[in-house]
Amino acid sequence: MELEGTRLGSRNHGGLKEIKVRKETEEEEEPLSPMARMFHEPQSNVYCIGIMGFKSPIDPQIFKANWLHTVVKHPRFSSVQVADGGEMKWVKTKVDIDNHVIVPMVDQDQYHMDMAASDKFVQDYVANLTKTQISTSIPMWDCHILNLKTSDAESTLIIRVHHSLGDGTFLTSLILSCSDTLPSYPAKRESAPAGAGWFWSPLMLTWNTFVDIWMCVATAYFLKDTETPLKAASSSVAFTCRRIVRRTFCLDDVKLVKNATNTISPPFPILLLTVNDVMLAVTQAGLSRYLNRKYGEAKSDNGEARELENYLPLHTRLTATLFINIRSSRQIYTLEEIVKKKSKAEWGNKIGYVLFPFKIALKDNPLDYLKDAKSTMDRKKATLEAKFRMFMAKENNYWQLASFPLTTMWFSNVAGPQEQISLFDNQVTSISMSLYGQPVALTIHIINYEKKISMVLSVDDNIIPDPYELCDDFEEALKLLKASILKKLSNSSRL
């Protein structure tokens, strides 16, 4: 499937061309941040993909006019990236909206009343988009309008942005600031050490940071993840096509698991889970189920794994590069505040990342996945590993430690709005966020919208040809966690 009407550059992974920059104003151009530069490295030339479903068809002319007077006002969306004297900088330019908004011709009759076919068309369109890049001669973003009825929308907007412009939280906040009613995020829960924690916390922070820096060095140079059916053979996977799929769950089910742990009897008396902890547990359980089946199929004569049989090898090392929002606030600001140069909204890539080890195992008690996820995440909150990564990126871009580690997968949780929103008088039915260009075969984004929470997978389907089976495993994992919690609650009520 060809994408007509696009102006896309060739795959040039050597960075941006160096050009002479003539300063027409006295204001000095702003250099790219260290993290933004990392997203231009050949094996991490990453693009963000946002997919939004709408209740009504999108009028391209109305969309262009509104987009031009909202999102394009932001300096990141109206600047090109150039190299001046060896330093990459943002340089203001005039935006031709027709270079950035693409409306492909779609044969509506071909997909009429066939939702499965129209869903696949959108998925294939996005997959085909991941084979291309945006020309560096224009601001590195574009939008694709698909006026095609799918299973959950009357039209679809695909927003593609080079990751150097900003991370998922920034991009989501920018788009939400243009919504007809400013939505809200859930409040950020602050935690403080209790009892003797005030004494132990600095010591634990120092020790955890020392251990994590050692693990960063070991992972970069010799300590590799186990070769599994999920792991890419090399970082050259960054140049391959990606298939992006989504599985949506009821947010109330996730919150049931989260909240019930505070009321049931041990081993969960003071666990205080977050939604992110629950989704990490779901991910760990789902990955374990998927890999067990894959190993079983490989060992079986007929290519089928026997249910309840454990085929997992011992001591599987499977690590995720887990990205963390390091902004001081989760508030959504107005567009006027966001476009300010020194905005409280904190532009760009305000993210750190840590190595998150998933414990791959089949557990008799599904609630053990919650304990594992909670303890590991709490451990990662008490370390300066993310800031060490940022320091290495800033100080020396040529060190191996300044590059993204070669883990099995990437994982990110992007907070979405708690209530339904409309964009340019068109109600939004779904929101997804994902990536392509990353040096791993599997990336998982968690994003919530209204009463739903979605796991969005970006996969190299040469390595993971059955992403929907993996989605099924995540869904089954959540069902088992919920069933175990309800059983615990039922037993507690009888006491």
Protein backbone atom coordinates (compact mmCIF):
# COMPACT_ATOMS: atom_id res chain seq x y z
CA MET A 1 0.00 0.00 0.00
CA GLU A 2 1.52 3.31 -1.05
CA LEU A 3 1.05 6.55 0.82
CA GLU A 4 0.09 9.16 -1.73
CA GLY A 5 0.61 12.82 -1.11
CA THR A 6 3.43 12.41 1.44
CA ARG A 7 6.72 14.21 1.24
CA LEU A 8 9.00 11.83 3.03
CA GLY A 9 12.76 11.79 3.12
CA SER A 10 14.91 8.77 2.45
CA ARG A 11 16.26 6.71 5.31
CA ASN A 12 19.31 8.67 6.36
CA HIS A 13 20.45 7.43 9.75
CA GLY A 14 23.62 9.46 9.89
CA GLY A 15 21.94 12.47 11.52
CA LEU A 16 21.07 15.86 10.12
CA LYS A 17 22.98 17.64 7.39
CA GLU A 18 25.21 20.44 8.55
CA ILE A 19 24.15 23.74 7.05
CA LYS A 20 25.00 27.36 7.57
CA VAL A 21 22.43 29.12 9.70
CA ARG A 22 21.87 32.80 9.10
CA LYS A 23 20.51 34.50 12.20
CA GLU A 24 17.79 36.91 11.11
CA THR A 25 16.96 37.90 14.69
CA GLU A 26 19.08 38.68 17.71
CA GLU A 27 17.59 35.76 19.58
CA GLU A 28 19.94 32.79 19.62
CA GLU A 29 18.53 29.45 18.46
CA GLU A 30 18.04 26.86 21.18
CA PRO A 31 20.24 23.73 21.03
CA LEU A 32 18.69 20.27 21.16
CA SER A 33 18.74 18.61 24.56
CA PRO A 34 20.95 15.54 25.14
CA MET A 35 17.88 13.27 25.16
CA ALA A 36 16.60 14.83 21.92
CA ARG A 37 19.99 14.15 20.31
CA MET A 38 19.84 10.52 21.46
CA PHE A 39 16.65 10.12 19.42
CA HIS A 40 18.66 10.98 16.31
CA GLU A 41 21.20 8.20 16.81
CA PRO A 42 21.15 5.67 13.93
CA GLN A 43 19.81 2.81 16.07
CA SER A 44 17.35 4.93 18.04
CA ASN A 45 15.95 7.25 15.38
CA VAL A 46 12.56 7.13 17.02
CA TYR A 47 9.15 8.45 15.98
CA CYS A 48 6.05 8.75 18.17
CA ILE A 49 2.77 7.56 16.68
CA GLY A 50 -0.49 8.84 18.17
CA ILE A 51 -3.74 7.25 16.96
CA MET A 52 -7.03 8.94 17.83
CA GLY A 53 -10.49 7.69 16.93
CA PHE A 54 -13.35 10.20 16.46
CA LYS A 55 -17.12 9.95 16.66
CA SER A 56 -17.64 11.87 13.39
CA PRO A 57 -15.75 12.21 10.09
CA ILE A 58 -12.94 14.79 10.08
CA ASP A 59 -13.26 17.79 7.75
CA PRO A 60 -9.67 18.25 6.46
CA GLN A 61 -9.98 22.01 5.88
CA ILE A 62 -11.44 22.68 9.32
CA PHE A 63 -8.80 20.44 10.88
CA LYS A 64 -5.95 22.25 9.08
CA ALA A 65 -7.21 25.67 10.15
CA ASN A 66 -7.61 24.62 13.78
CA TRP A 67 -4.32 22.72 13.94
CA LEU A 68 -2.46 25.68 12.42
CA HIS A 69 -3.81 28.02 15.09
CA THR A 70 -3.21 25.67 18.01
CA VAL A 71 -0.50 22.99 17.86
CA VAL A 72 1.60 24.76 15.21
CA LYS A 73 1.89 27.74 17.55
CA HIS A 74 4.27 25.67 19.64
CA PRO A 75 7.93 26.39 18.75
CA ARG A 76 8.76 22.69 18.44
CA PHE A 77 6.13 22.29 15.72
CA SER A 78 7.25 25.38 13.80
CA SER A 79 11.01 24.86 13.84
CA VAL A 80 13.45 22.77 11.81
CA GLN A 81 16.47 21.03 13.29
CA VAL A 82 19.81 21.98 11.77
CA ALA A 83 23.48 21.43 12.57
CA ASP A 84 25.39 24.68 12.99
CA GLY A 85 29.09 24.33 13.75
CA GLY A 86 28.60 20.76 14.95
CA GLU A 87 25.75 21.63 17.30
CA MET A 88 22.14 20.75 16.49
CA LYS A 89 19.72 23.63 17.01
CA TRP A 90 16.06 24.55 16.65
CA VAL A 91 15.55 27.21 13.97
CA LYS A 92 12.18 28.91 13.48
CA THR A 93 10.59 28.43 10.04
CA LYS A 94 7.31 29.05 8.25
CA VAL A 95 4.99 26.05 8.25
CA ASP A 96 3.16 25.05 5.07
CA ILE A 97 0.28 23.06 6.56
CA ASP A 98 -0.27 21.18 3.28
CA ASN A 99 3.17 19.60 3.67
CA HIS A 100 2.12 18.12 7.00
CA VAL A 101 -1.54 17.08 6.74
CA ILE A 102 -2.14 14.10 4.43
CA VAL A 103 -5.59 12.88 3.42
CA PRO A 104 -5.28 9.64 1.41
CA MET A 105 -8.09 8.54 -0.87
CA VAL A 106 -10.01 5.64 0.68
CA ASP A 107 -12.58 3.54 -1.18
CA GLN A 108 -15.42 3.66 1.35
CA ASP A 109 -17.53 1.15 -0.58
CA GLN A 110 -14.81 -1.49 -0.34
CA TYR A 111 -14.93 -1.45 3.47
CA HIS A 112 -18.62 -0.69 3.96
CA MET A 113 -20.06 -2.82 6.79
CA ASP A 114 -16.82 -4.80 7.11
CA MET A 115 -15.30 -3.50 10.35
CA ALA A 116 -12.59 -6.17 10.45
CA ALA A 117 -11.35 -5.10 7.01
CA SER A 118 -11.42 -1.39 7.88
CA ASP A 119 -9.59 -2.04 11.17
CA LYS A 120 -6.92 -3.93 9.24
CA PHE A 121 -6.66 -1.12 6.69
CA VAL A 122 -5.87 1.38 9.45
CA GLN A 123 -3.39 -1.02 11.04
CA ASP A 124 -1.69 -1.66 7.68
CA TYR A 125 -1.59 2.07 6.97
CA VAL A 126 0.24 2.70 10.23
CA ALA A 127 2.59 -0.22 9.57
CA ASN A 128 3.39 1.17 6.13
CA LEU A 129 4.01 4.57 7.72
CA THR A 130 6.68 3.05 9.98
CA LYS A 131 8.76 2.25 6.90
CA THR A 132 9.25 5.95 6.20
CA GLN A 133 10.73 9.08 7.73
CA ILE A 134 9.89 12.76 7.59
CA SER A 135 12.18 15.07 5.66
CA THR A 136 14.51 17.10 7.89
CA SER A 137 13.89 20.15 5.67
CA ILE A 138 10.54 20.74 7.40
CA PRO A 139 9.36 20.49 11.03
CA MET A 140 9.43 16.79 11.82
CA TRP A 141 5.75 15.98 12.28
CA ASP A 142 2.74 15.13 10.14
CA CYS A 143 -0.92 14.13 10.47
CA HIS A 144 -2.88 11.57 8.45
CA ILE A 145 -6.67 11.75 8.25
CA LEU A 146 -8.50 8.50 7.49
CA ASN A 147 -12.23 9.08 7.05
CA LEU A 148 -13.08 5.41 7.29
CA LYS A 149 -15.53 3.80 9.71
CA THR A 150 -13.85 1.27 12.01
CA SER A 151 -15.07 -0.83 14.92
CA ASP A 152 -14.69 2.02 17.42
CA ALA A 153 -14.67 5.23 15.35
CA GLU A 154 -16.08 7.01 12.33
CA SER A 155 -12.67 8.45 11.48
CA THR A 156 -9.05 8.11 12.57
CA LEU A 157 -6.32 10.69 13.02
CA ILE A 158 -2.71 9.45 12.96
CA ILE A 159 -0.21 11.92 14.39
CA ARG A 160 3.45 11.20 13.70
CA VAL A 161 6.14 13.20 15.51
CA HIS A 162 9.88 12.67 15.71
CA HIS A 163 10.72 11.85 19.31
CA SER A 164 13.28 14.68 19.47
CA LEU A 165 10.35 17.13 19.57
CA GLY A 166 9.06 15.68 22.81
CA ASP A 167 8.05 12.61 24.76
CA GLY A 168 4.62 11.01 24.99
CA THR A 169 3.54 13.03 28.03
CA PHE A 170 4.42 16.34 26.36
CA LEU A 171 2.73 15.42 23.09
CA THR A 172 -0.40 14.12 24.82
CA SER A 173 -0.59 17.24 27.00
CA LEU A 174 -0.15 19.53 23.98
CA ILE A 175 -2.99 17.89 22.08
CA LEU A 176 -5.24 17.78 25.16
CA SER A 177 -4.63 21.50 25.72
CA CYS A 178 -6.39 22.05 22.38
CA SER A 179 -9.48 20.08 23.46
CA ASP A 180 -12.78 21.91 23.75
CA THR A 181 -12.78 21.43 27.54
CA LEU A 182 -9.51 21.18 29.45
CA PRO A 183 -9.38 17.65 30.92
CA SER A 184 -7.64 16.55 34.10
CA TYR A 185 -5.08 13.95 35.11
CA PRO A 186 -5.31 11.88 38.29
CA ALA A 187 -3.39 13.52 41.12
CA LYS A 188 0.20 12.43 41.58
CA ARG A 189 0.47 10.50 44.83
CA GLU A 190 3.33 11.59 47.01
CA SER A 191 4.94 9.07 49.35
CA ALA A 192 7.04 9.75 52.42
CA PRO A 193 9.11 7.37 54.52
CA ALA A 194 7.49 6.33 57.77
CA GLY A 195 9.09 5.60 61.15
CA ALA A 196 12.84 5.02 60.80
CA GLY A 197 12.58 5.42 57.01
CA TRP A 198 13.96 8.96 57.21
CA PHE A 199 17.29 7.48 58.31
CA TRP A 200 17.42 4.49 55.98
CA SER A 201 16.22 6.28 52.82
CA PRO A 202 19.50 8.16 52.07
CA LEU A 203 21.51 5.00 52.72
CA MET A 204 19.22 2.91 50.53
CA LEU A 205 19.29 5.56 47.79
CA THR A 206 23.09 5.52 47.80
CA TRP A 207 23.32 1.73 47.80
CA ASN A 208 20.63 1.25 45.14
CA THR A 209 22.24 3.86 42.90
CA PHE A 210 25.66 2.18 43.23
CA VAL A 211 24.18 -1.22 42.33
CA ASP A 212 22.16 0.17 39.43
CA ILE A 213 25.11 2.05 37.93
CA TRP A 214 27.09 -1.20 38.06
CA MET A 215 24.21 -2.98 36.31
CA CYS A 216 24.13 -0.23 33.67
CA VAL A 217 27.81 -0.84 32.94
CA ALA A 218 27.41 -4.63 32.97
CA THR A 219 24.37 -4.53 30.66
CA ALA A 220 26.11 -2.21 28.22
CA TYR A 221 29.24 -4.33 27.89
CA PHE A 222 28.70 -7.99 28.76
CA LEU A 223 25.51 -8.87 30.70
CA LYS A 224 22.93 -9.61 28.01
CA ASP A 225 19.33 -10.70 28.15
CA THR A 226 18.46 -14.34 27.50
CA GLU A 227 17.74 -15.14 23.86
CA THR A 228 13.96 -15.61 23.83
CA PRO A 229 11.27 -15.52 21.10
CA LEU A 230 10.69 -11.87 22.09
CA LYS A 231 14.26 -10.64 21.76
CA ALA A 232 15.72 -9.15 18.59
CA ALA A 233 19.01 -10.64 17.42
CA SER A 234 20.63 -7.20 17.14
CA SER A 235 19.90 -3.49 17.32
CA SER A 236 19.39 -3.45 13.53
CA VAL A 237 15.75 -4.19 14.37
CA ALA A 238 15.50 -0.39 14.75
CA PHE A 239 15.25 -0.15 10.95
CA THR A 240 12.37 -2.59 10.49
CA CYS A 241 8.65 -2.09 9.93
CA ARG A 242 6.42 -2.15 13.03
CA ARG A 243 2.90 -3.41 13.56
CA ILE A 244 0.96 -1.52 16.21
CA VAL A 245 -1.92 -3.31 17.94
CA ARG A 246 -4.05 -2.45 20.96
CA ARG A 247 -5.95 -4.31 23.65
CA THR A 248 -8.33 -2.30 25.85
CA PHE A 249 -9.39 -3.21 29.38
CA CYS A 250 -11.91 -1.79 31.81
CA LEU A 251 -10.10 0.64 34.11
CA ASP A 252 -12.44 -0.34 36.96
CA ASP A 253 -11.07 -3.92 36.81
CA VAL A 254 -7.52 -2.61 37.19
CA LYS A 255 -8.57 -0.33 40.04
CA LEU A 256 -10.36 -3.22 41.74
CA VAL A 257 -7.08 -5.14 41.86
CA LYS A 258 -5.21 -2.02 43.01
CA ASN A 259 -7.63 -0.98 45.75
CA ALA A 260 -8.49 -4.42 47.11
CA THR A 261 -4.89 -5.06 48.19
CA ASN A 262 -5.37 -2.49 50.97
CA THR A 263 -8.24 -4.42 52.55
CA ILE A 264 -7.51 -8.13 52.21
CA SER A 265 -5.50 -10.20 54.66
CA PRO A 266 -1.73 -10.89 54.28
CA PRO A 267 0.35 -11.07 52.15
CA PHE A 268 -1.09 -7.69 51.10
CA PRO A 269 -1.65 -5.68 54.30
CA ILE A 270 0.32 -2.53 53.34
CA LEU A 271 1.10 -3.00 49.66
CA LEU A 272 -0.47 0.28 48.42
CA LEU A 273 -0.35 -0.53 44.72
CA THR A 274 -0.61 1.95 41.87
CA VAL A 275 -2.30 1.37 38.51
CA ASN A 276 1.19 1.20 36.99
CA ASP A 277 2.14 -1.59 39.44
CA VAL A 278 -0.90 -3.61 38.39
CA MET A 279 -0.12 -3.17 34.69
CA LEU A 280 3.50 -4.21 35.29
CA ALA A 281 2.19 -7.35 37.03
CA VAL A 282 -0.15 -8.01 34.08
CA THR A 283 2.79 -7.57 31.71
CA GLN A 284 5.01 -9.96 33.69
CA ALA A 285 2.30 -12.60 33.89
CA GLY A 286 1.35 -12.21 30.22
CA LEU A 287 4.96 -12.42 29.00
CA SER A 288 5.46 -15.57 31.09
CA ARG A 289 2.36 -17.21 29.59
CA TYR A 290 3.37 -16.25 26.04
CA LEU A 291 6.96 -17.48 26.36
CA ASN A 292 5.88 -20.71 28.03
CA ARG A 293 3.61 -21.47 25.09
CA LYS A 294 6.33 -20.60 22.57
CA TYR A 295 8.88 -22.88 24.27
CA GLY A 296 6.24 -25.61 24.47
CA GLU A 297 5.47 -25.36 20.76
CA ALA A 298 9.19 -25.62 19.96
CA LYS A 299 9.60 -28.76 22.09
CA SER A 300 6.40 -30.48 21.01
CA ASP A 301 6.35 -32.91 18.08
CA ASN A 302 3.06 -31.54 16.77
CA GLY A 303 3.90 -27.88 17.40
CA GLU A 304 1.36 -27.50 20.22
CA ALA A 305 2.10 -26.77 23.87
CA ARG A 306 0.22 -28.77 26.50
CA GLU A 307 -1.79 -26.62 28.85
CA LEU A 308 -0.50 -26.29 32.44
CA GLU A 309 2.89 -27.70 31.46
CA ASN A 310 5.90 -25.57 32.42
CA TYR A 311 8.37 -25.25 29.55
CA LEU A 312 10.18 -22.11 30.74
CA PRO A 313 13.96 -22.40 31.15
CA LEU A 314 15.35 -21.52 34.57
CA HIS A 315 16.77 -18.06 35.24
CA THR A 316 15.47 -16.27 32.16
CA ARG A 317 16.88 -12.73 32.11
CA LEU A 318 14.34 -10.42 30.44
CA THR A 319 14.87 -6.71 30.98
CA ALA A 320 12.79 -3.73 29.93
CA THR A 321 14.02 -0.20 29.38
CA LEU A 322 11.37 1.50 31.49
CA PHE A 323 10.82 5.20 30.82
CA ILE A 324 9.88 7.54 33.66
CA ASN A 325 8.28 10.97 33.50
CA ILE A 326 10.50 13.24 35.62
CA ARG A 327 8.31 16.32 35.43
CA SER A 328 7.47 17.99 38.71
CA SER A 329 3.75 18.21 37.85
CA ARG A 330 1.19 16.11 35.94
CA GLN A 331 -1.12 19.09 35.43
CA ILE A 332 -2.51 19.86 31.96
CA TYR A 333 -1.84 23.48 31.11
CA THR A 334 -3.64 25.77 28.70
CA LEU A 335 -2.23 26.22 25.22
CA GLU A 336 -1.20 29.78 26.08
CA GLU A 337 0.93 28.49 28.96
CA ILE A 338 2.40 25.58 26.99
CA VAL A 339 3.68 27.73 24.10
CA LYS A 340 5.62 30.03 26.43
CA LYS A 341 9.36 29.64 26.13
CA LYS A 342 9.83 29.07 29.88
CA SER A 343 6.61 27.18 30.35
CA LYS A 344 5.62 25.43 33.57
CA ALA A 345 4.48 22.58 31.31
CA GLU A 346 8.13 21.55 30.76
CA TRP A 347 8.54 21.01 27.03
CA GLY A 348 10.38 18.29 25.23
CA ASN A 349 11.83 15.05 26.55
CA LYS A 350 11.59 15.22 30.33
CA ILE A 351 12.11 11.52 30.78
CA GLY A 352 14.60 9.23 32.39
CA TYR A 353 14.86 5.48 32.08
CA VAL A 354 15.87 2.52 34.21
CA LEU A 355 16.49 -1.17 33.68
CA PHE A 356 13.41 -3.08 34.88
CA PRO A 357 13.90 -6.87 35.26
CA PHE A 358 10.78 -8.95 34.62
CA LYS A 359 10.73 -12.25 36.52
CA ILE A 360 9.65 -14.79 33.92
CA ALA A 361 7.96 -17.70 35.69
CA LEU A 362 4.64 -19.50 35.99
CA LYS A 363 3.30 -18.83 39.48
CA ASP A 364 0.67 -20.90 41.25
CA ASN A 365 -0.70 -17.77 42.93
CA PRO A 366 -1.30 -14.97 40.38
CA LEU A 367 -1.06 -12.40 43.20
CA ASP A 368 2.66 -13.17 43.43
CA TYR A 369 3.08 -11.22 40.19
CA LEU A 370 1.73 -8.17 42.04
CA LYS A 371 4.25 -8.58 44.86
CA ASP A 372 7.11 -8.92 42.36
CA ALA A 373 6.06 -5.88 40.33
CA LYS A 374 5.48 -3.73 43.43
CA SER A 375 8.79 -4.59 45.09
CA THR A 376 10.79 -4.08 41.89
CA MET A 377 9.08 -0.76 41.10
CA ASP A 378 9.58 0.53 44.66
CA ARG A 379 13.23 -0.42 44.37
CA LYS A 380 13.51 1.54 41.10
CA LYS A 381 11.92 4.61 42.69
CA ALA A 382 14.71 4.65 45.30
CA THR A 383 17.63 5.10 42.90
CA LEU A 384 19.33 7.82 40.85
CA GLU A 385 19.77 5.48 37.87
CA ALA A 386 17.59 7.62 35.58
CA LYS A 387 19.57 10.78 36.42
CA PHE A 388 22.82 8.90 35.84
CA ARG A 389 21.60 8.02 32.35
CA MET A 390 20.77 11.67 31.70
CA PHE A 391 24.22 12.70 32.95
CA MET A 392 25.96 10.26 30.61
CA ALA A 393 23.92 11.49 27.64
CA LYS A 394 24.84 15.09 28.47
CA GLU A 395 28.52 14.59 29.20
CA ASN A 396 29.63 12.17 26.52
CA ASN A 397 27.45 11.09 23.64
CA TYR A 398 30.09 8.66 22.37
CA TRP A 399 30.14 6.38 25.38
CA GLN A 400 28.20 3.17 25.10
CA LEU A 401 26.50 4.10 28.38
CA ALA A 402 25.04 7.18 26.65
CA SER A 403 23.11 4.99 24.21
CA PHE A 404 19.87 3.15 24.90
CA PRO A 405 20.69 -0.28 26.37
CA LEU A 406 20.07 -3.40 24.29
CA THR A 407 17.27 -4.84 26.38
CA THR A 408 14.46 -7.16 25.26
CA MET A 409 11.73 -4.50 25.30
CA TRP A 410 10.72 -0.91 26.09
CA PHE A 411 7.90 -0.06 28.50
CA SER A 412 6.15 3.25 29.14
CA ASN A 413 3.03 4.46 30.92
CA VAL A 414 1.46 7.68 29.57
CA ALA A 415 -1.29 9.25 31.69
CA GLY A 416 -4.42 10.14 29.74
CA PRO A 417 -7.52 12.20 30.57
CA GLN A 418 -10.02 10.92 33.10
CA GLU A 419 -13.02 12.26 31.22
CA GLN A 420 -14.25 12.22 27.63
CA ILE A 421 -12.83 14.96 25.42
CA SER A 422 -13.57 16.58 22.07
CA LEU A 423 -11.03 18.01 19.67
CA PHE A 424 -12.25 20.75 17.33
CA ASP A 425 -15.90 19.89 18.10
CA ASN A 426 -15.38 16.20 17.33
CA GLN A 427 -15.71 13.70 20.17
CA VAL A 428 -12.68 11.46 20.75
CA THR A 429 -13.55 7.76 21.10
CA SER A 430 -10.06 6.30 21.65
CA ILE A 431 -6.44 7.34 22.19
CA SER A 432 -3.34 5.19 21.53
CA MET A 433 0.34 6.05 21.71
CA SER A 434 3.29 4.07 20.37
CA LEU A 435 6.73 4.25 18.72
CA TYR A 436 8.84 3.00 15.86
CA GLY A 437 12.57 3.18 15.21
CA GLN A 438 13.55 1.76 18.61
CA PRO A 439 16.25 -0.98 18.88
CA VAL A 440 13.90 -3.61 20.38
CA ALA A 441 11.28 -5.90 18.85
CA LEU A 442 8.62 -5.21 21.50
CA THR A 443 7.45 -1.92 23.01
CA ILE A 444 4.47 -1.64 25.34
CA HIS A 445 2.70 1.63 26.10
CA ILE A 446 0.01 1.87 28.77
CA ILE A 447 -2.45 4.73 28.30
CA ASN A 448 -5.77 5.40 29.98
CA TYR A 449 -8.72 7.33 28.56
CA GLU A 450 -11.93 7.89 30.47
CA LYS A 451 -13.01 4.47 31.87
CA LYS A 452 -10.64 2.46 29.67
CA ILE A 453 -6.99 1.51 29.86
CA SER A 454 -5.11 0.22 26.82
CA MET A 455 -1.97 -1.78 26.25
CA VAL A 456 -0.52 -0.65 22.93
CA LEU A 457 2.09 -2.96 21.42
CA SER A 458 4.62 -2.02 18.78
CA VAL A 459 6.18 -5.19 17.38
CA ASP A 460 8.46 -6.36 14.63
CA ASP A 461 6.15 -9.02 13.20
CA ASN A 462 9.08 -10.98 11.78
CA ILE A 463 10.04 -11.69 15.40
CA ILE A 464 6.57 -11.52 17.01
CA PRO A 465 4.20 -12.65 14.24
CA ASP A 466 1.27 -13.18 16.62
CA PRO A 467 0.86 -9.95 18.64
CA TYR A 468 -2.84 -10.61 19.24
CA GLU A 469 -1.96 -13.86 21.04
CA LEU A 470 0.31 -11.83 23.29
CA CYS A 471 -2.60 -9.43 23.87
CA ASP A 472 -4.77 -12.45 24.78
CA ASP A 473 -2.18 -13.46 27.37
CA PHE A 474 -2.24 -10.00 28.94
CA GLU A 475 -6.04 -10.11 29.03
CA GLU A 476 -6.02 -13.55 30.65
CA ALA A 477 -3.44 -12.37 33.19
CA LEU A 478 -5.70 -9.53 34.31
CA LYS A 479 -8.68 -11.91 34.56
CA LEU A 480 -6.66 -14.27 36.80
CA LEU A 481 -5.52 -11.40 39.02
CA LYS A 482 -9.08 -10.14 39.35
CA ALA A 483 -10.41 -13.64 40.11
CA SER A 484 -7.74 -14.15 42.79
CA ILE A 485 -8.55 -10.81 44.39
CA LEU A 486 -12.28 -11.55 44.43
CA LYS A 487 -11.59 -14.94 45.99
CA LYS A 488 -9.45 -13.32 48.67
CA LEU A 489 -12.17 -10.76 49.37
CA SER A 490 -14.78 -13.49 49.59
CA ASN A 491 -12.69 -15.53 52.03
CA SER A 492 -11.97 -12.43 54.14
CA SER A 493 -15.67 -11.61 54.41
CA ARG A 494 -16.40 -15.06 55.83
CA LEU A 495 -13.89 -14.67 58.67
